Amino acid sequence: QVQLVESGGGLVQAGGSLRLSCAASGRTFSPYAMGWFRQAPGKEREFVAAISWGGSRQYYVDSVKGRFTISKDNAKNTVYLQMNSLKPEDTAVYYCAAGTSIATVATSPNTWGQGTLVTVSS
Protein backbone atom coordinates (compact mmCIF):
# COMPACT_ATOMS: atom_id res chain seq x y z
CA GLN A 1 0.00 0.00 0.00
CA VAL A 2 1.25 3.46 -0.90
CA GLN A 3 0.85 6.37 1.50
CA LEU A 4 0.66 9.89 0.06
CA VAL A 5 1.35 13.16 1.89
CA GLU A 6 0.75 16.51 0.19
CA SER A 7 2.39 19.83 1.04
CA GLY A 8 2.81 23.29 -0.43
CA GLY A 9 -0.68 24.69 -0.17
CA GLY A 10 -1.34 28.19 1.10
CA LEU A 11 -2.72 31.62 0.37
CA VAL A 12 -1.69 33.40 -2.82
CA GLN A 13 -2.95 36.40 -4.78
CA ALA A 14 -4.53 36.00 -8.18
CA GLY A 15 -1.84 35.74 -10.84
CA GLY A 16 0.60 34.17 -8.42
CA SER A 17 2.18 30.71 -8.31
CA LEU A 18 2.39 27.76 -5.97
CA ARG A 19 4.04 24.37 -6.20
CA LEU A 20 2.39 21.42 -4.54
CA SER A 21 4.36 18.33 -3.60
CA CYS A 22 3.19 14.81 -2.87
CA ALA A 23 5.60 12.41 -1.17
CA ALA A 24 4.90 8.72 -1.48
CA SER A 25 6.00 6.02 0.92
CA GLY A 26 5.26 2.40 1.56
CA ARG A 27 5.10 0.07 -1.42
CA THR A 28 7.33 0.83 -4.37
CA PHE A 29 6.46 4.11 -6.03
CA SER A 30 7.66 3.60 -9.56
CA PRO A 31 4.89 1.45 -11.05
CA TYR A 32 2.24 3.95 -10.04
CA ALA A 33 0.76 6.64 -12.19
CA MET A 34 0.06 9.76 -10.16
CA GLY A 35 -2.46 12.52 -10.29
CA TRP A 36 -3.98 15.57 -8.67
CA PHE A 37 -7.61 16.28 -7.93
CA ARG A 38 -9.27 19.23 -6.26
CA GLN A 39 -12.47 19.94 -4.40
CA ALA A 40 -13.80 23.46 -4.09
CA PRO A 41 -16.27 24.39 -1.34
CA GLY A 42 -19.71 23.04 -2.16
CA LYS A 43 -18.52 21.22 -5.26
CA GLU A 44 -17.61 17.68 -6.19
CA ARG A 45 -14.02 16.54 -6.39
CA GLU A 46 -12.65 16.97 -9.90
CA PHE A 47 -9.69 15.64 -11.83
CA VAL A 48 -6.89 18.17 -12.42
CA ALA A 49 -3.87 16.38 -13.87
CA ALA A 50 -2.23 12.97 -14.21
CA ILE A 51 1.18 11.67 -15.17
CA SER A 52 2.27 8.21 -16.26
CA TRP A 53 4.66 6.24 -14.10
CA GLY A 54 7.55 6.99 -16.47
CA GLY A 55 6.60 10.65 -16.69
CA SER A 56 6.33 10.74 -20.47
CA ARG A 57 2.57 11.32 -20.61
CA GLN A 58 0.56 14.02 -18.86
CA TYR A 59 -3.11 14.88 -19.00
CA TYR A 60 -4.87 17.99 -17.74
CA VAL A 61 -8.39 19.25 -17.30
CA ASP A 62 -9.07 21.99 -19.82
CA SER A 63 -9.39 24.69 -17.16
CA VAL A 64 -5.74 24.37 -16.11
CA LYS A 65 -4.04 23.64 -19.43
CA GLY A 66 -1.19 26.08 -20.05
CA ARG A 67 -1.13 27.14 -16.38
CA PHE A 68 -0.44 23.96 -14.39
CA THR A 69 2.35 21.44 -14.92
CA ILE A 70 2.54 17.99 -13.34
CA SER A 71 5.89 16.28 -12.95
CA LYS A 72 7.41 13.51 -10.91
CA ASP A 73 10.79 12.55 -9.52
CA ASN A 74 10.90 8.78 -9.00
CA ALA A 75 14.24 9.02 -7.21
CA LYS A 76 12.56 11.18 -4.56
CA ASN A 77 9.21 9.34 -4.70
CA THR A 78 7.57 12.70 -5.22
CA VAL A 79 5.06 14.17 -7.66
CA TYR A 80 4.66 17.92 -8.13
CA LEU A 81 2.00 20.28 -9.39
CA GLN A 82 3.36 23.65 -10.49
CA MET A 83 0.49 26.12 -10.59
CA ASN A 84 0.99 29.45 -12.35
CA SER A 85 -1.36 32.31 -13.18
CA LEU A 86 -3.64 31.24 -10.37
CA LYS A 87 -7.25 32.39 -10.37
CA PRO A 88 -9.75 32.66 -7.50
CA GLU A 89 -11.66 29.74 -9.05
CA ASP A 90 -8.60 27.54 -8.43
CA THR A 91 -9.32 27.79 -4.70
CA ALA A 92 -9.83 24.24 -3.41
CA VAL A 93 -8.41 21.42 -1.39
CA TYR A 94 -5.95 19.64 -3.66
CA TYR A 95 -5.53 15.89 -3.33
CA CYS A 96 -2.75 13.67 -4.56
CA ALA A 97 -3.75 10.29 -5.95
CA ALA A 98 -2.08 7.10 -7.17
CA GLY A 99 -3.26 4.39 -9.51
CA THR A 100 -1.98 1.40 -11.40
CA SER A 101 -2.25 3.24 -14.72
CA ILE A 102 -2.79 6.78 -15.93
CA ALA A 103 -6.35 5.86 -16.88
CA THR A 104 -7.01 4.45 -13.41
CA VAL A 105 -5.56 7.42 -11.57
CA ALA A 106 -7.64 9.83 -13.63
CA THR A 107 -10.93 8.01 -13.03
CA SER A 108 -10.74 5.78 -9.94
CA PRO A 109 -7.49 6.13 -8.00
CA ASN A 110 -6.39 3.37 -5.68
CA THR A 111 -4.90 5.69 -3.07
CA TRP A 112 -5.55 9.25 -1.88
CA GLY A 113 -3.59 11.76 0.16
CA GLN A 114 -5.15 13.85 2.90
CA GLY A 115 -5.28 17.06 0.88
CA THR A 116 -3.72 20.51 1.05
CA LEU A 117 -5.66 23.78 0.88
CA VAL A 118 -4.96 26.33 -1.83
CA THR A 119 -6.64 29.71 -1.48
CA VAL A 120 -6.38 32.30 -4.26
CA SER A 121 -7.45 35.80 -3.33
CA SER A 122 -8.72 38.30 -5.88
C-alpha atoms as a PDB file:
ATOM      1  CA  GLN A   1       0.000   0.000   0.000  1.00  0.00           C
ATOM      2  CA  VAL A   2       1.253   3.459  -0.901  1.00  0.00           C
ATOM      3  CA  GLN A   3       0.846   6.369   1.499  1.00  0.00           C
ATOM      4  CA  LEU A   4       0.662   9.888   0.064  1.00  0.00           C
ATOM      5  CA  VAL A   5       1.351  13.158   1.887  1.00  0.00           C
ATOM      6  CA  GLU A   6       0.747  16.513   0.193  1.00  0.00           C
ATOM      7  CA  SER A   7       2.390  19.827   1.044  1.00  0.00           C
ATOM      8  CA  GLY A   8       2.815  23.289  -0.431  1.00  0.00           C
ATOM      9  CA  GLY A   9      -0.677  24.688  -0.166  1.00  0.00           C
ATOM     10  CA  GLY A  10      -1.343  28.187   1.105  1.00  0.00           C
ATOM     11  CA  LEU A  11      -2.722  31.624   0.367  1.00  0.00           C
ATOM     12  CA  VAL A  12      -1.693  33.405  -2.817  1.00  0.00           C
ATOM     13  CA  GLN A  13      -2.951  36.399  -4.776  1.00  0.00           C
ATOM     14  CA  ALA A  14      -4.526  35.996  -8.180  1.00  0.00           C
ATOM     15  CA  GLY A  15      -1.840  35.739 -10.837  1.00  0.00           C
ATOM     16  CA  GLY A  16       0.605  34.174  -8.421  1.00  0.00           C
ATOM     17  CA  SER A  17       2.175  30.712  -8.305  1.00  0.00           C
ATOM     18  CA  LEU A  18       2.387  27.759  -5.972  1.00  0.00           C
ATOM     19  CA  ARG A  19       4.038  24.372  -6.201  1.00  0.00           C
ATOM     20  CA  LEU A  20       2.392  21.419  -4.537  1.00  0.00           C
ATOM     21  CA  SER A  21       4.364  18.331  -3.604  1.00  0.00           C
ATOM     22  CA  CYS A  22       3.190  14.807  -2.870  1.00  0.00           C
ATOM     23  CA  ALA A  23       5.597  12.412  -1.169  1.00  0.00           C
ATOM     24  CA  ALA A  24       4.903   8.721  -1.484  1.00  0.00           C
ATOM     25  CA  SER A  25       6.002   6.023   0.923  1.00  0.00           C
ATOM     26  CA  GLY A  26       5.264   2.397   1.564  1.00  0.00           C
ATOM     27  CA  ARG A  27       5.097   0.069  -1.422  1.00  0.00           C
ATOM     28  CA  THR A  28       7.325   0.835  -4.367  1.00  0.00           C
ATOM     29  CA  PHE A  29       6.464   4.113  -6.032  1.00  0.00           C
ATOM     30  CA  SER A  30       7.664   3.596  -9.559  1.00  0.00           C
ATOM     31  CA  PRO A  31       4.892   1.449 -11.053  1.00  0.00           C
ATOM     32  CA  TYR A  32       2.236   3.950 -10.041  1.00  0.00           C
ATOM     33  CA  ALA A  33       0.764   6.638 -12.192  1.00  0.00           C
ATOM     34  CA  MET A  34       0.064   9.758 -10.164  1.00  0.00           C
ATOM     35  CA  GLY A  35      -2.461  12.525 -10.293  1.00  0.00           C
ATOM     36  CA  TRP A  36      -3.984  15.567  -8.669  1.00  0.00           C
ATOM     37  CA  PHE A  37      -7.610  16.281  -7.927  1.00  0.00           C
ATOM     38  CA  ARG A  38      -9.274  19.229  -6.264  1.00  0.00           C
ATOM     39  CA  GLN A  39     -12.471  19.938  -4.403  1.00  0.00           C
ATOM     40  CA  ALA A  40     -13.797  23.459  -4.092  1.00  0.00           C
ATOM     41  CA  PRO A  41     -16.274  24.390  -1.342  1.00  0.00           C
ATOM     42  CA  GLY A  42     -19.712  23.039  -2.160  1.00  0.00           C
ATOM     43  CA  LYS A  43     -18.522  21.224  -5.258  1.00  0.00           C
ATOM     44  CA  GLU A  44     -17.609  17.681  -6.186  1.00  0.00           C
ATOM     45  CA  ARG A  45     -14.019  16.540  -6.388  1.00  0.00           C
ATOM     46  CA  GLU A  46     -12.649  16.970  -9.898  1.00  0.00           C
ATOM     47  CA  PHE A  47      -9.688  15.644 -11.827  1.00  0.00           C
ATOM     48  CA  VAL A  48      -6.893  18.173 -12.425  1.00  0.00           C
ATOM     49  CA  ALA A  49      -3.867  16.381 -13.867  1.00  0.00           C
ATOM     50  CA  ALA A  50      -2.234  12.969 -14.214  1.00  0.00           C
ATOM     51  CA  ILE A  51       1.183  11.670 -15.166  1.00  0.00           C
ATOM     52  CA  SER A  52       2.269   8.212 -16.257  1.00  0.00           C
ATOM     53  CA  TRP A  53       4.663   6.240 -14.104  1.00  0.00           C
ATOM     54  CA  GLY A  54       7.549   6.993 -16.465  1.00  0.00           C
ATOM     55  CA  GLY A  55       6.603  10.648 -16.691  1.00  0.00           C
ATOM     56  CA  SER A  56       6.335  10.744 -20.469  1.00  0.00           C
ATOM     57  CA  ARG A  57       2.565  11.318 -20.608  1.00  0.00           C
ATOM     58  CA  GLN A  58       0.564  14.019 -18.861  1.00  0.00           C
ATOM     59  CA  TYR A  59      -3.110  14.880 -19.000  1.00  0.00           C
ATOM     60  CA  TYR A  60      -4.868  17.988 -17.745  1.00  0.00           C
ATOM     61  CA  VAL A  61      -8.387  19.247 -17.304  1.00  0.00           C
ATOM     62  CA  ASP A  62      -9.066  21.990 -19.824  1.00  0.00           C
ATOM     63  CA  SER A  63      -9.391  24.689 -17.164  1.00  0.00           C
ATOM     64  CA  VAL A  64      -5.735  24.367 -16.109  1.00  0.00           C
ATOM     65  CA  LYS A  65      -4.035  23.644 -19.433  1.00  0.00           C
ATOM     66  CA  GLY A  66      -1.194  26.078 -20.047  1.00  0.00           C
ATOM     67  CA  ARG A  67      -1.134  27.143 -16.382  1.00  0.00           C
ATOM     68  CA  PHE A  68      -0.441  23.963 -14.395  1.00  0.00           C
ATOM     69  CA  THR A  69       2.351  21.444 -14.920  1.00  0.00           C
ATOM     70  CA  ILE A  70       2.535  17.989 -13.344  1.00  0.00           C
ATOM     71  CA  SER A  71       5.894  16.284 -12.947  1.00  0.00           C
ATOM     72  CA  LYS A  72       7.413  13.511 -10.909  1.00  0.00           C
ATOM     73  CA  ASP A  73      10.792  12.548  -9.517  1.00  0.00           C
ATOM     74  CA  ASN A  74      10.896   8.783  -8.997  1.00  0.00           C
ATOM     75  CA  ALA A  75      14.242   9.016  -7.215  1.00  0.00           C
ATOM     76  CA  LYS A  76      12.560  11.175  -4.561  1.00  0.00           C
ATOM     77  CA  ASN A  77       9.209   9.343  -4.698  1.00  0.00           C
ATOM     78  CA  THR A  78       7.569  12.703  -5.221  1.00  0.00           C
ATOM     79  CA  VAL A  79       5.064  14.171  -7.659  1.00  0.00           C
ATOM     80  CA  TYR A  80       4.657  17.918  -8.133  1.00  0.00           C
ATOM     81  CA  LEU A  81       2.004  20.281  -9.387  1.00  0.00           C
ATOM     82  CA  GLN A  82       3.363  23.652 -10.493  1.00  0.00           C
ATOM     83  CA  MET A  83       0.491  26.116 -10.586  1.00  0.00           C
ATOM     84  CA  ASN A  84       0.994  29.448 -12.349  1.00  0.00           C
ATOM     85  CA  SER A  85      -1.362  32.314 -13.178  1.00  0.00           C
ATOM     86  CA  LEU A  86      -3.641  31.237 -10.370  1.00  0.00           C
ATOM     87  CA  LYS A  87      -7.248  32.392 -10.374  1.00  0.00           C
ATOM     88  CA  PRO A  88      -9.747  32.658  -7.503  1.00  0.00           C
ATOM     89  CA  GLU A  89     -11.657  29.743  -9.051  1.00  0.00           C
ATOM     90  CA  ASP A  90      -8.604  27.538  -8.427  1.00  0.00           C
ATOM     91  CA  THR A  91      -9.318  27.785  -4.698  1.00  0.00           C
ATOM     92  CA  ALA A  92      -9.832  24.242  -3.414  1.00  0.00           C
ATOM     93  CA  VAL A  93      -8.409  21.416  -1.385  1.00  0.00           C
ATOM     94  CA  TYR A  94      -5.947  19.645  -3.659  1.00  0.00           C
ATOM     95  CA  TYR A  95      -5.533  15.893  -3.328  1.00  0.00           C
ATOM     96  CA  CYS A  96      -2.749  13.672  -4.562  1.00  0.00           C
ATOM     97  CA  ALA A  97      -3.748  10.286  -5.954  1.00  0.00           C
ATOM     98  CA  ALA A  98      -2.080   7.101  -7.170  1.00  0.00           C
ATOM     99  CA  GLY A  99      -3.255   4.394  -9.514  1.00  0.00           C
ATOM    100  CA  THR A 100      -1.985   1.404 -11.402  1.00  0.00           C
ATOM    101  CA  SER A 101      -2.251   3.236 -14.721  1.00  0.00           C
ATOM    102  CA  ILE A 102      -2.787   6.777 -15.927  1.00  0.00           C
ATOM    103  CA  ALA A 103      -6.354   5.862 -16.878  1.00  0.00           C
ATOM    104  CA  THR A 104      -7.010   4.450 -13.415  1.00  0.00           C
ATOM    105  CA  VAL A 105      -5.559   7.416 -11.570  1.00  0.00           C
ATOM    106  CA  ALA A 106      -7.637   9.829 -13.631  1.00  0.00           C
ATOM    107  CA  THR A 107     -10.928   8.008 -13.025  1.00  0.00           C
ATOM    108  CA  SER A 108     -10.736   5.784  -9.939  1.00  0.00           C
ATOM    109  CA  PRO A 109      -7.487   6.135  -7.996  1.00  0.00           C
ATOM    110  CA  ASN A 110      -6.390   3.369  -5.676  1.00  0.00           C
ATOM    111  CA  THR A 111      -4.905   5.690  -3.066  1.00  0.00           C
ATOM    112  CA  TRP A 112      -5.549   9.255  -1.877  1.00  0.00           C
ATOM    113  CA  GLY A 113      -3.587  11.761   0.160  1.00  0.00           C
ATOM    114  CA  GLN A 114      -5.152  13.847   2.900  1.00  0.00           C
ATOM    115  CA  GLY A 115      -5.278  17.058   0.884  1.00  0.00           C
ATOM    116  CA  THR A 116      -3.720  20.514   1.051  1.00  0.00           C
ATOM    117  CA  LEU A 117      -5.663  23.776   0.878  1.00  0.00           C
ATOM    118  CA  VAL A 118      -4.963  26.325  -1.827  1.00  0.00           C
ATOM    119  CA  THR A 119      -6.643  29.714  -1.484  1.00  0.00           C
ATOM    120  CA  VAL A 120      -6.378  32.295  -4.257  1.00  0.00           C
ATOM    121  CA  SER A 121      -7.450  35.804  -3.328  1.00  0.00           C
ATOM    122  CA  SER A 122      -8.724  38.299  -5.876  1.00  0.00           C
END
